[in-house]
C-alpha atoms as a PDB file:
ATOM      1  CA  MET A   1     -11.263   0.557  13.629  1.00  0.00           C
ATOM      2  CA  VAL A   2      -8.314   0.341  11.329  1.00  0.00           C
ATOM      3  CA  PHE A   3      -7.677   0.581   7.408  1.00  0.00           C
ATOM      4  CA  PHE A   4      -5.556  -2.232   5.695  1.00  0.00           C
ATOM      5  CA  GLY A   5      -3.333  -1.355   2.920  1.00  0.00           C
ATOM      6  CA  ILE A   6      -1.711  -4.161   0.866  1.00  0.00           C
ATOM      7  CA  ASP A   7       0.952  -3.643  -1.746  1.00  0.00           C
ATOM      8  CA  ILE A   8       1.443  -6.740  -3.868  1.00  0.00           C
ATOM      9  CA  GLY A   9       4.619  -6.159  -5.897  1.00  0.00           C
ATOM     10  CA  SER A  10       6.516  -8.208  -8.309  1.00  0.00           C
ATOM     11  CA  THR A  11       9.054  -9.628  -5.718  1.00  0.00           C
ATOM     12  CA  ALA A  12       7.531  -8.751  -2.385  1.00  0.00           C
ATOM     13  CA  THR A  13       4.118  -8.221  -0.493  1.00  0.00           C
ATOM     14  CA  LYS A  14       3.707  -5.551   2.227  1.00  0.00           C
ATOM     15  CA  GLY A  15       0.841  -4.777   4.335  1.00  0.00           C
ATOM     16  CA  THR A  16      -0.016  -2.059   6.583  1.00  0.00           C
ATOM     17  CA  LEU A  17      -2.702  -1.205   9.283  1.00  0.00           C
ATOM     18  CA  VAL A  18      -3.392   2.628   9.764  1.00  0.00           C
ATOM     19  CA  ASN A  19      -5.703   3.904  12.547  1.00  0.00           C
ATOM     20  CA  HIS A  20      -8.318   6.879  12.056  1.00  0.00           C
ATOM     21  CA  ASN A  21      -5.762   9.280  12.898  1.00  0.00           C
ATOM     22  CA  GLY A  22      -3.472   8.206  10.151  1.00  0.00           C
ATOM     23  CA  ASP A  23      -0.938   6.501  12.577  1.00  0.00           C
ATOM     24  CA  ILE A  24       0.777   3.164  11.359  1.00  0.00           C
ATOM     25  CA  VAL A  25       0.008   0.686  13.742  1.00  0.00           C
ATOM     26  CA  TYR A  26       1.443  -2.556  12.144  1.00  0.00           C
ATOM     27  CA  THR A  27       3.117  -3.585   9.092  1.00  0.00           C
ATOM     28  CA  THR A  28       4.594  -6.730   7.718  1.00  0.00           C
ATOM     29  CA  VAL A  29       6.458  -7.864   4.739  1.00  0.00           C
ATOM     30  CA  GLU A  30       6.479 -11.182   2.757  1.00  0.00           C
ATOM     31  CA  ALA A  31       9.470 -11.593   0.538  1.00  0.00           C
ATOM     32  CA  ILE A  32       7.338 -13.142  -2.341  1.00  0.00           C
ATOM     33  CA  GLY A  33       5.053 -11.176  -4.770  1.00  0.00           C
ATOM     34  CA  THR A  34       2.523 -11.613  -7.346  1.00  0.00           C
ATOM     35  CA  GLY A  35       1.351 -15.147  -8.286  1.00  0.00           C
ATOM     36  CA  THR A  36       2.375 -16.547  -4.936  1.00  0.00           C
ATOM     37  CA  LYS A  37       0.825 -16.898  -1.348  1.00  0.00           C
ATOM     38  CA  GLY A  38       2.388 -13.727  -0.437  1.00  0.00           C
ATOM     39  CA  SER A  39      -0.878 -11.674  -0.279  1.00  0.00           C
ATOM     40  CA  ALA A  40      -2.507 -14.567   1.600  1.00  0.00           C
ATOM     41  CA  ARG A  41       0.229 -14.640   4.231  1.00  0.00           C
ATOM     42  CA  VAL A  42       0.155 -10.853   4.679  1.00  0.00           C
ATOM     43  CA  THR A  43      -3.490 -10.834   5.065  1.00  0.00           C
ATOM     44  CA  GLU A  44      -3.463 -13.541   7.596  1.00  0.00           C
ATOM     45  CA  ARG A  45      -0.763 -11.682   9.655  1.00  0.00           C
ATOM     46  CA  VAL A  46      -2.758  -8.450   9.583  1.00  0.00           C
ATOM     47  CA  GLN A  47      -6.025  -9.965  10.399  1.00  0.00           C
ATOM     48  CA  GLU A  48      -4.507 -11.891  13.573  1.00  0.00           C
ATOM     49  CA  PHE A  49      -2.980  -8.578  14.642  1.00  0.00           C
ATOM     50  CA  ALA A  50      -6.079  -6.811  14.362  1.00  0.00           C
ATOM     51  CA  ALA A  51      -7.968  -9.504  16.338  1.00  0.00           C
ATOM     52  CA  GLN A  52      -5.590  -9.510  19.025  1.00  0.00           C
ATOM     53  CA  GLN A  53      -5.765  -5.792  19.371  1.00  0.00           C
ATOM     54  CA  GLY A  54      -9.630  -6.101  19.130  1.00  0.00           C
ATOM     55  CA  VAL A  55     -10.118  -3.757  16.322  1.00  0.00           C
ATOM     56  CA  SER A  56     -12.004  -4.421  13.191  1.00  0.00           C
ATOM     57  CA  ILE A  57     -10.568  -3.511   9.667  1.00  0.00           C
ATOM     58  CA  GLN A  58     -12.897  -1.081   8.138  1.00  0.00           C
ATOM     59  CA  MET A  59     -11.486  -0.935   4.614  1.00  0.00           C
ATOM     60  CA  THR A  60      -8.924  -2.461   2.404  1.00  0.00           C
ATOM     61  CA  MET A  61      -6.816  -0.943  -0.192  1.00  0.00           C
ATOM     62  CA  ALA A  62      -4.776  -2.786  -2.650  1.00  0.00           C
ATOM     63  CA  THR A  63      -1.970  -1.436  -4.859  1.00  0.00           C
ATOM     64  CA  GLY A  64       1.050  -2.663  -6.765  1.00  0.00           C
ATOM     65  CA  TYR A  65       1.612  -4.928  -9.774  1.00  0.00           C
ATOM     66  CA  GLY A  66      -0.845  -7.756  -8.315  1.00  0.00           C
ATOM     67  CA  ARG A  67      -3.541  -5.414  -6.984  1.00  0.00           C
ATOM     68  CA  PHE A  68      -6.255  -6.740  -9.347  1.00  0.00           C
ATOM     69  CA  SER A  69      -5.495 -10.271  -8.231  1.00  0.00           C
ATOM     70  CA  TYR A  70      -6.221  -9.460  -4.459  1.00  0.00           C
ATOM     71  CA  VAL A  71      -9.581 -11.568  -4.066  1.00  0.00           C
ATOM     72  CA  GLU A  72     -10.341 -10.483  -0.493  1.00  0.00           C
ATOM     73  CA  GLY A  73     -12.027  -7.423  -1.671  1.00  0.00           C
ATOM     74  CA  GLY A  74     -11.530  -3.730  -1.206  1.00  0.00           C
ATOM     75  CA  LEU A  75     -10.502  -0.988  -3.579  1.00  0.00           C
ATOM     76  CA  GLN A  76      -7.535  -1.053  -5.890  1.00  0.00           C
ATOM     77  CA  LYS A  77      -5.392   1.934  -6.820  1.00  0.00           C
ATOM     78  CA  SER A  78      -2.291   2.034  -8.692  1.00  0.00           C
ATOM     79  CA  GLU A  79       1.114   2.447  -6.983  1.00  0.00           C
ATOM     80  CA  ILE A  80       1.725   5.603  -8.621  1.00  0.00           C
ATOM     81  CA  SER A  81      -1.539   7.346  -7.186  1.00  0.00           C
ATOM     82  CA  CYS A  82      -0.664   5.838  -3.731  1.00  0.00           C
ATOM     83  CA  HIS A  83       2.918   7.213  -3.896  1.00  0.00           C
ATOM     84  CA  ALA A  84       1.687  10.543  -4.737  1.00  0.00           C
ATOM     85  CA  LYS A  85      -0.934  10.755  -2.148  1.00  0.00           C
ATOM     86  CA  GLY A  86       1.321   9.303   0.726  1.00  0.00           C
ATOM     87  CA  MET A  87       4.185  11.516  -0.077  1.00  0.00           C
ATOM     88  CA  PHE A  88       2.090  14.704  -0.226  1.00  0.00           C
ATOM     89  CA  TYR A  89       0.556  13.669   2.989  1.00  0.00           C
ATOM     90  CA  LEU A  90       4.014  13.080   4.606  1.00  0.00           C
ATOM     91  CA  LEU A  91       6.007  15.754   2.896  1.00  0.00           C
ATOM     92  CA  PRO A  92       3.867  18.300   1.152  1.00  0.00           C
ATOM     93  CA  ASN A  93       6.861  20.026  -0.588  1.00  0.00           C
ATOM     94  CA  VAL A  94       8.329  16.789  -2.310  1.00  0.00           C
ATOM     95  CA  ARG A  95       7.731  17.282  -6.124  1.00  0.00           C
ATOM     96  CA  THR A  96       9.535  14.153  -7.249  1.00  0.00           C
ATOM     97  CA  ILE A  97       9.169  10.571  -6.199  1.00  0.00           C
ATOM     98  CA  ILE A  98      11.421   7.708  -7.614  1.00  0.00           C
ATOM     99  CA  ASP A  99       9.966   4.286  -7.182  1.00  0.00           C
ATOM    100  CA  ILE A 100      12.478   1.514  -7.448  1.00  0.00           C
ATOM    101  CA  GLY A 101      10.543  -1.883  -7.631  1.00  0.00           C
ATOM    102  CA  GLY A 102      11.310  -5.452  -8.376  1.00  0.00           C
ATOM    103  CA  GLN A 103      11.030  -4.990 -12.244  1.00  0.00           C
ATOM    104  CA  ASP A 104      11.010  -1.351 -13.171  1.00  0.00           C
ATOM    105  CA  VAL A 105      11.797   2.161 -12.016  1.00  0.00           C
ATOM    106  CA  LYS A 106       9.187   5.031 -12.030  1.00  0.00           C
ATOM    107  CA  ALA A 107       9.731   8.599 -11.789  1.00  0.00           C
ATOM    108  CA  ILE A 108       6.642  10.609 -10.425  1.00  0.00           C
ATOM    109  CA  ARG A 109       6.339  14.333 -10.499  1.00  0.00           C
ATOM    110  CA  LEU A 110       3.927  16.313  -8.423  1.00  0.00           C
ATOM    111  CA  ASN A 111       2.404  19.757  -8.488  1.00  0.00           C
ATOM    112  CA  ASN A 112       2.086  21.999  -5.510  1.00  0.00           C
ATOM    113  CA  LYS A 113      -1.249  20.387  -4.888  1.00  0.00           C
ATOM    114  CA  GLY A 114      -0.007  16.984  -4.876  1.00  0.00           C
ATOM    115  CA  GLN A 115      -1.331  16.033  -8.101  1.00  0.00           C
ATOM    116  CA  ILE A 116       0.549  13.976 -10.617  1.00  0.00           C
ATOM    117  CA  VAL A 117       1.998  15.926 -13.540  1.00  0.00           C
ATOM    118  CA  ASN A 118       2.211  14.318 -16.713  1.00  0.00           C
ATOM    119  CA  LEU A 119       5.632  14.806 -18.509  1.00  0.00           C
END
């Protein structure tokens, strides 16, 4: 059983499979983003890898600028929320995250519980 995360940005689409322990088992990047076939190509590669490994995708989470265009189903979360949860999981002492994307830059501030602080 694995979980599939897809980040559909303005200039690139990224896909990751994570196992039940939180370990990354596969990643792929397509250098095209929202409004293209990037999400379909990433999804196809991820599904092929899962099939080769004999595992099923339990849940899908889409994030990024194009998350609402992801028609394959699953949940959608903002990239800001995903950055906060991911960084707090990996590095719980981090308080500032800088996201440099294809079209914009975001600064995200976290409190000591990993929650986003509005400035």
